[in-house]
C-alpha atoms as a PDB file:
ATOM      1  CA  MET A   1      69.219 -28.401  51.675  1.00  0.00           C
ATOM      2  CA  LYS A   2      71.869 -25.841  50.897  1.00  0.00           C
ATOM      3  CA  ASP A   3      71.857 -26.836  47.213  1.00  0.00           C
ATOM      4  CA  LYS A   4      68.062 -26.692  47.160  1.00  0.00           C
ATOM      5  CA  PHE A   5      67.984 -23.152  48.521  1.00  0.00           C
ATOM      6  CA  SER A   6      70.754 -22.119  46.100  1.00  0.00           C
ATOM      7  CA  VAL A   7      68.683 -23.342  43.149  1.00  0.00           C
ATOM      8  CA  LEU A   8      65.584 -21.513  44.412  1.00  0.00           C
ATOM      9  CA  TYR A   9      67.654 -18.367  44.856  1.00  0.00           C
ATOM     10  CA  LEU A  10      68.944 -18.587  41.296  1.00  0.00           C
ATOM     11  CA  ILE A  11      65.435 -19.178  39.947  1.00  0.00           C
ATOM     12  CA  GLY A  12      64.261 -16.115  41.841  1.00  0.00           C
ATOM     13  CA  LYS A  13      67.086 -13.998  40.408  1.00  0.00           C
ATOM     14  CA  LEU A  14      66.350 -15.201  36.875  1.00  0.00           C
ATOM     15  CA  LYS A  15      62.658 -14.379  37.265  1.00  0.00           C
ATOM     16  CA  TYR A  16      63.571 -10.888  38.448  1.00  0.00           C
ATOM     17  CA  TYR A  17      66.036 -10.424  35.562  1.00  0.00           C
ATOM     18  CA  TYR A  18      63.510 -11.422  32.890  1.00  0.00           C
ATOM     19  CA  LEU A  19      60.779  -9.332  34.494  1.00  0.00           C
ATOM     20  CA  MET A  20      63.030  -6.269  34.404  1.00  0.00           C
ATOM     21  CA  LYS A  21      64.039  -7.034  30.835  1.00  0.00           C
ATOM     22  CA  PHE A  22      60.381  -7.391  29.839  1.00  0.00           C
ATOM     23  CA  LEU A  23      59.449  -4.069  31.434  1.00  0.00           C
ATOM     24  CA  PHE A  24      62.465  -2.226  30.028  1.00  0.00           C
ATOM     25  CA  THR A  25      61.855  -3.368  26.441  1.00  0.00           C
ATOM     26  CA  ARG A  26      58.277  -2.171  26.700  1.00  0.00           C
ATOM     27  CA  MET A  27      58.905   1.177  28.357  1.00  0.00           C
ATOM     28  CA  LYS A  28      58.387   3.125  25.139  1.00  0.00           C
ATOM     29  CA  TYR A  29      54.993   1.483  24.666  1.00  0.00           C
ATOM     30  CA  ILE A  30      54.063   2.183  28.278  1.00  0.00           C
ATOM     31  CA  ALA A  31      55.144   5.817  27.829  1.00  0.00           C
ATOM     32  CA  LEU A  32      53.077   6.069  24.647  1.00  0.00           C
ATOM     33  CA  LEU A  33      50.005   4.734  26.439  1.00  0.00           C
ATOM     34  CA  ILE A  34      50.508   7.279  29.217  1.00  0.00           C
ATOM     35  CA  CYS A  35      50.767  10.072  26.635  1.00  0.00           C
ATOM     36  CA  ILE A  36      47.592   8.885  24.915  1.00  0.00           C
ATOM     37  CA  ALA A  37      45.761   8.770  28.241  1.00  0.00           C
ATOM     38  CA  LEU A  38      46.909  12.294  29.064  1.00  0.00           C
ATOM     39  CA  SER A  39      45.956  13.639  25.646  1.00  0.00           C
ATOM     40  CA  ILE A  40      42.481  12.101  25.881  1.00  0.00           C
ATOM     41  CA  SER A  41      41.814  13.945  29.132  1.00  0.00           C
ATOM     42  CA  ALA A  42      43.554  17.184  28.132  1.00  0.00           C
ATOM     43  CA  TYR A  43      40.955  18.676  25.779  1.00  0.00           C
ATOM     44  CA  ASN A  44      37.237  17.967  25.964  1.00  0.00           C
ATOM     45  CA  ARG A  45      35.960  18.712  22.461  1.00  0.00           C
ATOM     46  CA  ASP A  46      32.347  18.164  23.498  1.00  0.00           C
ATOM     47  CA  ALA A  47      32.675  20.810  26.217  1.00  0.00           C
ATOM     48  CA  ALA A  48      34.199  23.264  23.717  1.00  0.00           C
ATOM     49  CA  TYR A  49      31.358  22.514  21.264  1.00  0.00           C
ATOM     50  CA  ASN A  50      28.690  22.955  23.925  1.00  0.00           C
ATOM     51  CA  TYR A  51      30.161  26.303  24.975  1.00  0.00           C
ATOM     52  CA  ALA A  52      30.231  27.485  21.363  1.00  0.00           C
ATOM     53  CA  LYS A  53      26.606  26.424  20.887  1.00  0.00           C
ATOM     54  CA  LYS A  54      25.511  28.266  24.039  1.00  0.00           C
ATOM     55  CA  TRP A  55      27.367  31.533  23.462  1.00  0.00           C
ATOM     56  CA  TRP A  56      27.780  31.953  19.676  1.00  0.00           C
ATOM     57  CA  ASN A  57      25.063  34.621  19.555  1.00  0.00           C
ATOM     58  CA  SER A  58      25.623  36.292  22.937  1.00  0.00           C
ATOM     59  CA  PHE A  59      28.358  37.259  25.395  1.00  0.00           C
ATOM     60  CA  ASN A  60      29.369  35.561  28.648  1.00  0.00           C
ATOM     61  CA  LEU A  61      29.972  38.830  30.441  1.00  0.00           C
ATOM     62  CA  SER A  62      29.974  37.233  33.897  1.00  0.00           C
ATOM     63  CA  LYS A  63      33.432  35.787  33.098  1.00  0.00           C
ATOM     64  CA  TYR A  64      34.746  37.499  29.975  1.00  0.00           C
ATOM     65  CA  LYS A  65      34.806  40.809  28.149  1.00  0.00           C
ATOM     66  CA  ASN A  66      33.228  41.711  24.810  1.00  0.00           C
ATOM     67  CA  TYR A  67      36.155  42.964  22.701  1.00  0.00           C
ATOM     68  CA  ASN A  68      34.064  44.167  19.761  1.00  0.00           C
ATOM     69  CA  PRO A  69      34.555  47.827  20.776  1.00  0.00           C
ATOM     70  CA  ASP A  70      38.333  47.163  20.779  1.00  0.00           C
ATOM     71  CA  GLY A  71      38.563  45.704  17.275  1.00  0.00           C
ATOM     72  CA  GLY A  72      36.702  42.388  17.387  1.00  0.00           C
ATOM     73  CA  ASP A  73      35.667  39.486  19.598  1.00  0.00           C
ATOM     74  CA  CYS A  74      36.412  36.524  17.313  1.00  0.00           C
ATOM     75  CA  ALA A  75      39.684  35.291  18.873  1.00  0.00           C
ATOM     76  CA  ASN A  76      38.335  36.054  22.334  1.00  0.00           C
ATOM     77  CA  PHE A  77      35.318  33.811  21.638  1.00  0.00           C
ATOM     78  CA  VAL A  78      37.468  30.969  20.260  1.00  0.00           C
ATOM     79  CA  SER A  79      39.669  31.299  23.353  1.00  0.00           C
ATOM     80  CA  GLN A  80      36.642  30.898  25.604  1.00  0.00           C
ATOM     81  CA  CYS A  81      35.665  27.689  23.792  1.00  0.00           C
ATOM     82  CA  LEU A  82      39.188  26.271  24.208  1.00  0.00           C
ATOM     83  CA  ILE A  83      39.170  27.187  27.900  1.00  0.00           C
ATOM     84  CA  ALA A  84      35.757  25.521  28.297  1.00  0.00           C
ATOM     85  CA  GLY A  85      37.364  22.432  26.759  1.00  0.00           C
ATOM     86  CA  GLY A  86      39.970  22.392  29.509  1.00  0.00           C
ATOM     87  CA  LEU A  87      42.945  24.214  27.966  1.00  0.00           C
ATOM     88  CA  ASN A  88      44.877  26.792  29.985  1.00  0.00           C
ATOM     89  CA  LEU A  89      45.790  29.502  27.500  1.00  0.00           C
ATOM     90  CA  VAL A  90      47.852  31.499  29.986  1.00  0.00           C
ATOM     91  CA  SER A  91      50.059  28.443  30.487  1.00  0.00           C
ATOM     92  CA  MET A  92      50.136  27.623  26.778  1.00  0.00           C
ATOM     93  CA  CYS A  93      50.575  31.096  25.332  1.00  0.00           C
ATOM     94  CA  GLY A  94      52.036  33.166  28.161  1.00  0.00           C
ATOM     95  CA  SER A  95      50.435  36.149  29.833  1.00  0.00           C
ATOM     96  CA  GLY A  96      51.821  38.459  27.133  1.00  0.00           C
ATOM     97  CA  ASP A  97      49.449  36.944  24.565  1.00  0.00           C
ATOM     98  CA  ALA A  98      46.700  35.637  26.870  1.00  0.00           C
ATOM     99  CA  TRP A  99      46.075  39.099  28.301  1.00  0.00           C
ATOM    100  CA  GLY A 100      42.292  39.050  27.869  1.00  0.00           C
ATOM    101  CA  LEU A 101      39.910  38.993  30.812  1.00  0.00           C
ATOM    102  CA  GLY A 102      39.618  35.392  32.004  1.00  0.00           C
ATOM    103  CA  GLY A 103      42.882  34.333  30.369  1.00  0.00           C
ATOM    104  CA  THR A 104      41.786  34.614  26.730  1.00  0.00           C
ATOM    105  CA  VAL A 105      43.886  35.463  23.655  1.00  0.00           C
ATOM    106  CA  PRO A 106      41.968  38.333  21.998  1.00  0.00           C
ATOM    107  CA  ASN A 107      44.383  38.772  19.070  1.00  0.00           C
ATOM    108  CA  VAL A 108      44.243  36.457  16.010  1.00  0.00           C
ATOM    109  CA  GLY A 109      47.954  36.748  15.237  1.00  0.00           C
ATOM    110  CA  ALA A 110      48.839  35.902  18.842  1.00  0.00           C
ATOM    111  CA  MET A 111      46.524  32.894  18.699  1.00  0.00           C
ATOM    112  CA  ALA A 112      48.271  31.591  15.564  1.00  0.00           C
ATOM    113  CA  LYS A 113      51.656  31.964  17.267  1.00  0.00           C
ATOM    114  CA  CYS A 114      50.395  30.200  20.391  1.00  0.00           C
ATOM    115  CA  LEU A 115      48.852  27.233  18.561  1.00  0.00           C
ATOM    116  CA  LYS A 116      51.999  26.695  16.501  1.00  0.00           C
ATOM    117  CA  LYS A 117      54.212  26.973  19.578  1.00  0.00           C
ATOM    118  CA  ASN A 118      52.173  24.279  21.305  1.00  0.00           C
ATOM    119  CA  GLY A 119      52.414  21.829  18.430  1.00  0.00           C
ATOM    120  CA  TRP A 120      48.969  22.163  16.854  1.00  0.00           C
ATOM    121  CA  SER A 121      49.283  20.871  13.303  1.00  0.00           C
ATOM    122  CA  TYR A 122      48.196  23.314  10.616  1.00  0.00           C
ATOM    123  CA  SER A 123      47.426  23.111   6.927  1.00  0.00           C
ATOM    124  CA  SER A 124      45.937  25.199   4.129  1.00  0.00           C
ATOM    125  CA  LYS A 125      43.743  22.194   3.267  1.00  0.00           C
ATOM    126  CA  ILE A 126      41.223  20.511   5.563  1.00  0.00           C
ATOM    127  CA  PRO A 127      43.105  17.552   7.103  1.00  0.00           C
ATOM    128  CA  THR A 128      41.288  14.247   7.369  1.00  0.00           C
ATOM    129  CA  ASN A 129      41.642  14.304  11.180  1.00  0.00           C
ATOM    130  CA  PHE A 130      40.059  17.762  11.521  1.00  0.00           C
ATOM    131  CA  GLU A 131      37.418  17.663  14.279  1.00  0.00           C
ATOM    132  CA  LYS A 132      34.941  19.787  16.172  1.00  0.00           C
ATOM    133  CA  GLY A 133      36.898  21.904  18.626  1.00  0.00           C
ATOM    134  CA  ASP A 134      39.702  22.558  16.150  1.00  0.00           C
ATOM    135  CA  VAL A 135      40.403  26.113  15.000  1.00  0.00           C
ATOM    136  CA  ILE A 136      40.351  27.945  11.666  1.00  0.00           C
ATOM    137  CA  LEU A 137      42.287  31.199  11.313  1.00  0.00           C
ATOM    138  CA  TYR A 138      42.041  33.633   8.408  1.00  0.00           C
ATOM    139  CA  GLY A 139      45.442  35.315   8.433  1.00  0.00           C
ATOM    140  CA  ASP A 140      45.467  37.810  11.281  1.00  0.00           C
ATOM    141  CA  GLN A 141      41.900  38.918  10.492  1.00  0.00           C
ATOM    142  CA  HIS A 142      39.475  36.319  11.821  1.00  0.00           C
ATOM    143  CA  ALA A 143      39.279  33.260  14.110  1.00  0.00           C
ATOM    144  CA  VAL A 144      36.519  30.639  14.225  1.00  0.00           C
ATOM    145  CA  ILE A 145      36.036  27.280  15.942  1.00  0.00           C
ATOM    146  CA  ALA A 146      34.952  24.125  14.129  1.00  0.00           C
ATOM    147  CA  VAL A 147      31.665  22.586  15.278  1.00  0.00           C
ATOM    148  CA  THR A 148      31.661  19.763  12.719  1.00  0.00           C
ATOM    149  CA  GLY A 149      34.718  17.970  11.392  1.00  0.00           C
ATOM    150  CA  TYR A 150      36.054  16.462   8.178  1.00  0.00           C
ATOM    151  CA  PRO A 151      34.764  16.080   5.499  1.00  0.00           C
ATOM    152  CA  HIS A 152      32.015  18.708   5.990  1.00  0.00           C
ATOM    153  CA  VAL A 153      33.493  21.346   8.276  1.00  0.00           C
ATOM    154  CA  THR A 154      31.286  24.084   9.715  1.00  0.00           C
ATOM    155  CA  TYR A 155      32.136  26.657  12.347  1.00  0.00           C
ATOM    156  CA  ALA A 156      30.871  28.978  15.073  1.00  0.00           C
ATOM    157  CA  ALA A 157      32.110  32.542  15.451  1.00  0.00           C
ATOM    158  CA  HIS A 158      31.647  36.015  16.857  1.00  0.00           C
ATOM    159  CA  ASN A 159      31.530  39.102  14.682  1.00  0.00           C
ATOM    160  CA  ASN A 160      29.738  38.292  12.693  1.00  0.00           C
ATOM    161  CA  ASN A 161      27.942  35.815  14.939  1.00  0.00           C
ATOM    162  CA  ARG A 162      27.682  32.444  13.200  1.00  0.00           C
ATOM    163  CA  TRP A 163      26.598  28.877  14.013  1.00  0.00           C
ATOM    164  CA  MET A 164      27.338  25.932  11.711  1.00  0.00           C
ATOM    165  CA  ALA A 165      28.486  28.324   9.014  1.00  0.00           C
ATOM    166  CA  GLU A 166      30.217  27.026   5.883  1.00  0.00           C
ATOM    167  CA  VAL A 167      33.972  27.488   5.534  1.00  0.00           C
ATOM    168  CA  TYR A 168      34.884  30.293   3.127  1.00  0.00           C
ATOM    169  CA  TYR A 169      38.166  30.678   1.251  1.00  0.00           C
ATOM    170  CA  SER A 170      38.827  34.379   0.777  1.00  0.00           C
ATOM    171  CA  PRO A 171      41.008  35.254   2.575  1.00  0.00           C
ATOM    172  CA  ALA A 172      42.662  31.840   2.669  1.00  0.00           C
ATOM    173  CA  PRO A 173      41.997  29.807   5.838  1.00  0.00           C
ATOM    174  CA  THR A 174      44.517  27.817   7.880  1.00  0.00           C
ATOM    175  CA  PHE A 175      43.182  24.747   9.671  1.00  0.00           C
ATOM    176  CA  TYR A 176      44.666  24.078  13.122  1.00  0.00           C
ATOM    177  CA  HIS A 177      44.259  20.597  14.629  1.00  0.00           C
ATOM    178  CA  TYR A 178      44.832  19.768  18.296  1.00  0.00           C
ATOM    179  CA  ASN A 179      47.233  16.801  18.572  1.00  0.00           C
ATOM    180  CA  GLY A 180      47.468  16.008  22.255  1.00  0.00           C
ATOM    181  CA  LYS A 181      48.096  17.483  25.689  1.00  0.00           C
ATOM    182  CA  ASN A 182      48.760  21.121  24.742  1.00  0.00           C
ATOM    183  CA  GLY A 183      49.603  19.696  21.354  1.00  0.00           C
ATOM    184  CA  VAL A 184      52.976  18.177  22.268  1.00  0.00           C
ATOM    185  CA  ASP A 185      52.221  14.509  22.957  1.00  0.00           C
ATOM    186  CA  CYS A 186      51.663  13.347  19.388  1.00  0.00           C
ATOM    187  CA  VAL A 187      53.753  10.425  18.119  1.00  0.00           C
ATOM    188  CA  LYS A 188      56.621  11.914  16.123  1.00  0.00           C
ATOM    189  CA  THR A 189      58.813  10.817  13.221  1.00  0.00           C
ATOM    190  CA  CYS A 190      61.116  12.347  10.559  1.00  0.00           C
ATOM    191  CA  LYS A 191      64.121  14.696  10.949  1.00  0.00           C
ATOM    192  CA  PRO A 192      63.381  17.308  12.150  1.00  0.00           C
ATOM    193  CA  LEU A 193      60.631  15.673  14.222  1.00  0.00           C
ATOM    194  CA  ARG A 194      57.031  16.049  13.056  1.00  0.00           C
ATOM    195  CA  CYS A 195      53.721  14.612  14.218  1.00  0.00           C
ATOM    196  CA  VAL A 196      53.137  11.384  12.302  1.00  0.00           C
ATOM    197  CA  THR A 197      49.482  12.381  11.751  1.00  0.00           C
ATOM    198  CA  ASP A 198      50.611  15.510   9.887  1.00  0.00           C
ATOM    199  CA  VAL A 199      52.897  13.450   7.638  1.00  0.00           C
ATOM    200  CA  ALA A 200      50.137  10.889   7.044  1.00  0.00           C
ATOM    201  CA  ASN A 201      47.732  13.628   5.976  1.00  0.00           C
ATOM    202  CA  GLU A 202      50.289  14.879   3.455  1.00  0.00           C
ATOM    203  CA  VAL A 203      50.640  11.318   2.151  1.00  0.00           C
ATOM    204  CA  ILE A 204      46.852  11.138   1.709  1.00  0.00           C
ATOM    205  CA  GLN A 205      46.926  14.471  -0.109  1.00  0.00           C
ATOM    206  CA  GLY A 206      49.474  13.019  -2.567  1.00  0.00           C
ATOM    207  CA  LYS A 207      52.596  14.933  -1.555  1.00  0.00           C
ATOM    208  CA  TYR A 208      54.741  11.785  -1.294  1.00  0.00           C
ATOM    209  CA  GLY A 209      53.525   9.856  -4.338  1.00  0.00           C
ATOM    210  CA  ASN A 210      52.777   6.145  -4.246  1.00  0.00           C
ATOM    211  CA  GLY A 211      54.376   2.753  -3.692  1.00  0.00           C
ATOM    212  CA  GLU A 212      58.136   2.449  -3.419  1.00  0.00           C
ATOM    213  CA  ALA A 213      58.648   6.082  -4.439  1.00  0.00           C
ATOM    214  CA  ARG A 214      56.640   7.172  -1.408  1.00  0.00           C
ATOM    215  CA  PHE A 215      58.760   5.130   1.008  1.00  0.00           C
ATOM    216  CA  LYS A 216      61.981   6.439  -0.572  1.00  0.00           C
ATOM    217  CA  LYS A 217      60.849  10.058  -0.225  1.00  0.00           C
ATOM    218  CA  LEU A 218      59.773   9.484   3.380  1.00  0.00           C
ATOM    219  CA  ALA A 219      63.121   7.841   4.119  1.00  0.00           C
ATOM    220  CA  SER A 220      64.972  10.799   2.552  1.00  0.00           C
ATOM    221  CA  GLU A 221      63.292  13.026   5.162  1.00  0.00           C
ATOM    222  CA  GLY A 222      64.166  10.653   7.999  1.00  0.00           C
ATOM    223  CA  CYS A 223      60.593   9.375   8.373  1.00  0.00           C
ATOM    224  CA  ASP A 224      59.600   5.891   9.470  1.00  0.00           C
ATOM    225  CA  GLY A 225      57.620   4.750   6.419  1.00  0.00           C
ATOM    226  CA  ASP A 226      55.939   1.846   8.197  1.00  0.00           C
ATOM    227  CA  LEU A 227      54.807   4.083  11.064  1.00  0.00           C
ATOM    228  CA  VAL A 228      53.440   6.652   8.603  1.00  0.00           C
ATOM    229  CA  GLN A 229      51.622   3.931   6.640  1.00  0.00           C
ATOM    230  CA  GLU A 230      49.995   2.647   9.828  1.00  0.00           C
ATOM    231  CA  GLU A 231      48.681   6.144  10.517  1.00  0.00           C
ATOM    232  CA  VAL A 232      47.460   6.497   6.916  1.00  0.00           C
ATOM    233  CA  ASN A 233      45.550   3.245   7.309  1.00  0.00           C
ATOM    234  CA  ARG A 234      44.061   4.437  10.610  1.00  0.00           C
ATOM    235  CA  LEU A 235      42.920   7.760   9.128  1.00  0.00           C
ATOM    236  CA  LEU A 236      41.330   6.087   6.128  1.00  0.00           C
ATOM    237  CA  SER A 237      39.652   3.277   8.077  1.00  0.00           C
END
C-alpha cells in the first residue's frame, strides 16, 4: 500500500510539474491575448464615427465649448470624437494639454505630441491599416478625424465643417493610427522597439526591398523578419 501511494504521489507531482511548464511556456501568448482583448475594448471606432456624424455641422455645447472664437475648433472636435470612442485624453495627454472644457485637447500641436507619446503610429503616407476613427493632422494648423479608412480615406472636421471630405495634401498631412489601449499594447519588434504593424506598412511601401535583401535589412535593425512577414500577410489578406 505504501508503494502504491508513493507512485500516486509521484504521478501527481509530475502532472503538476508539466502543467506548470505548459503554462509558463505559454505565458507570452496568454499576455498577448490579454493585450489584444484590452485593445479591442479600449477604443470604440463606431462610437467615434457616430459622434462625428452627429456633430460635424454643429456644436455640443451641453458638454463642450466652441473654440472658434479662440482660434479654431478643429482639434477640440477631434478630441470629442476620441472621447466618445472611450479614450481619456486627460489621462493620455495630461491636464496641461487636455485643458479644454470636458477634457479635450484644443491645440493641434499638443494633439500631435499626445498621440506620439501614446504610441499612435504616424506616417506621411496613408498606411494600409488606416481606419475610421484615426486622425489626420496638417502640421500645427488643422486636425480632422477619418470616417472611412484605407484605401479611400475621407474625414469629418470643424472649421470648415466637413463630412466625408476628401484628403488634401497642401499642407502635407500626417496620418495617425491607433494601435491599441492608449496606443501602447501593439506587438513590438526591432531595436529600438517599434510596432510591428508600422514596420510591415513600410515593407509594403517598399522601404525594405524584396526577398533575402528585405530580411537582411530587417535583421540589421534588430527586427524579427518572420514576425514582420506574418503582419504583412495579414495586412494584405
